[in-house]
Amino acid sequence: MSAKGQRDDAGTEIGDG
């Protein structure tokens, strides 16, 4: 999960976002 600006189903920013 290193996609830039991607969020999980909870809305938490993951990766470099």
PDB file of N, CA and C in Angstrom:
ATOM      1  N   MET A   1       0.826  -1.208   0.000  1.00  0.00           N
ATOM      2  CA  MET A   1       0.000   0.000   0.000  1.00  0.00           C
ATOM      3  C   MET A   1       0.861   1.259   0.000  1.00  0.00           C
ATOM      4  N   SER A   2       1.498   1.516  -1.115  1.00  0.00           N
ATOM      5  CA  SER A   2       2.332   2.708  -1.210  1.00  0.00           C
ATOM      6  C   SER A   2       1.748   3.706  -2.200  1.00  0.00           C
ATOM      7  N   ALA A   3       0.489   3.498  -2.545  1.00  0.00           N
ATOM      8  CA  ALA A   3      -0.152   4.392  -3.514  1.00  0.00           C
ATOM      9  C   ALA A   3      -0.291   5.786  -2.924  1.00  0.00           C
ATOM     10  N   LYS A   4       0.099   6.770  -3.710  1.00  0.00           N
ATOM     11  CA  LYS A   4       0.149   8.140  -3.216  1.00  0.00           C
ATOM     12  C   LYS A   4      -1.254   8.711  -3.016  1.00  0.00           C
ATOM     13  N   GLY A   5      -1.550   9.111  -1.794  1.00  0.00           N
ATOM     14  CA  GLY A   5      -2.832   9.732  -1.503  1.00  0.00           C
ATOM     15  C   GLY A   5      -3.993   8.749  -1.400  1.00  0.00           C
ATOM     16  N   GLN A   6      -3.699   7.464  -1.418  1.00  0.00           N
ATOM     17  CA  GLN A   6      -4.770   6.476  -1.319  1.00  0.00           C
ATOM     18  C   GLN A   6      -5.267   6.362   0.120  1.00  0.00           C
ATOM     19  N   ARG A   7      -6.569   6.151   0.270  1.00  0.00           N
ATOM     20  CA  ARG A   7      -7.144   6.014   1.608  1.00  0.00           C
ATOM     21  C   ARG A   7      -7.825   4.659   1.744  1.00  0.00           C
ATOM     22  N   ASP A   8      -7.776   4.120   2.952  1.00  0.00           N
ATOM     23  CA  ASP A   8      -8.477   2.865   3.172  1.00  0.00           C
ATOM     24  C   ASP A   8      -9.962   3.127   3.422  1.00  0.00           C
ATOM     25  N   ASP A   9     -10.722   2.083   3.704  1.00  0.00           N
ATOM     26  CA  ASP A   9     -12.169   2.223   3.843  1.00  0.00           C
ATOM     27  C   ASP A   9     -12.574   3.068   5.057  1.00  0.00           C
ATOM     28  N   ALA A  10     -11.633   3.281   5.970  1.00  0.00           N
ATOM     29  CA  ALA A  10     -11.906   4.104   7.141  1.00  0.00           C
ATOM     30  C   ALA A  10     -11.585   5.577   6.876  1.00  0.00           C
ATOM     31  N   GLY A  11     -10.990   5.855   5.714  1.00  0.00           N
ATOM     32  CA  GLY A  11     -10.664   7.225   5.347  1.00  0.00           C
ATOM     33  C   GLY A  11      -9.282   7.653   5.808  1.00  0.00           C
ATOM     34  N   THR A  12      -8.502   6.723   6.313  1.00  0.00           N
ATOM     35  CA  THR A  12      -7.159   7.038   6.785  1.00  0.00           C
ATOM     36  C   THR A  12      -6.182   7.108   5.609  1.00  0.00           C
ATOM     37  N   GLU A  13      -5.380   8.156   5.571  1.00  0.00           N
ATOM     38  CA  GLU A  13      -4.407   8.293   4.488  1.00  0.00           C
ATOM     39  C   GLU A  13      -3.267   7.293   4.688  1.00  0.00           C
ATOM     40  N   ILE A  14      -2.970   6.563   3.619  1.00  0.00           N
ATOM     41  CA  ILE A  14      -1.900   5.587   3.676  1.00  0.00           C
ATOM     42  C   ILE A  14      -0.882   5.866   2.586  1.00  0.00           C
ATOM     43  N   GLY A  15       0.322   5.397   2.760  1.00  0.00           N
ATOM     44  CA  GLY A  15       1.376   5.646   1.776  1.00  0.00           C
ATOM     45  C   GLY A  15       1.904   7.067   1.905  1.00  0.00           C
ATOM     46  N   ASP A  16       2.183   7.707   0.756  1.00  0.00           N
ATOM     47  CA  ASP A  16       2.769   9.042   0.751  1.00  0.00           C
ATOM     48  C   ASP A  16       1.711  10.142   0.735  1.00  0.00           C
ATOM     49  N   GLY A  17       0.467   9.728   0.834  1.00  0.00           N
ATOM     50  CA  GLY A  17      -0.603  10.698   0.757  1.00  0.00           C
ATOM     51  C   GLY A  17      -0.540  11.658   1.925  1.00  0.00           C
TER      52      GLY A  17
END
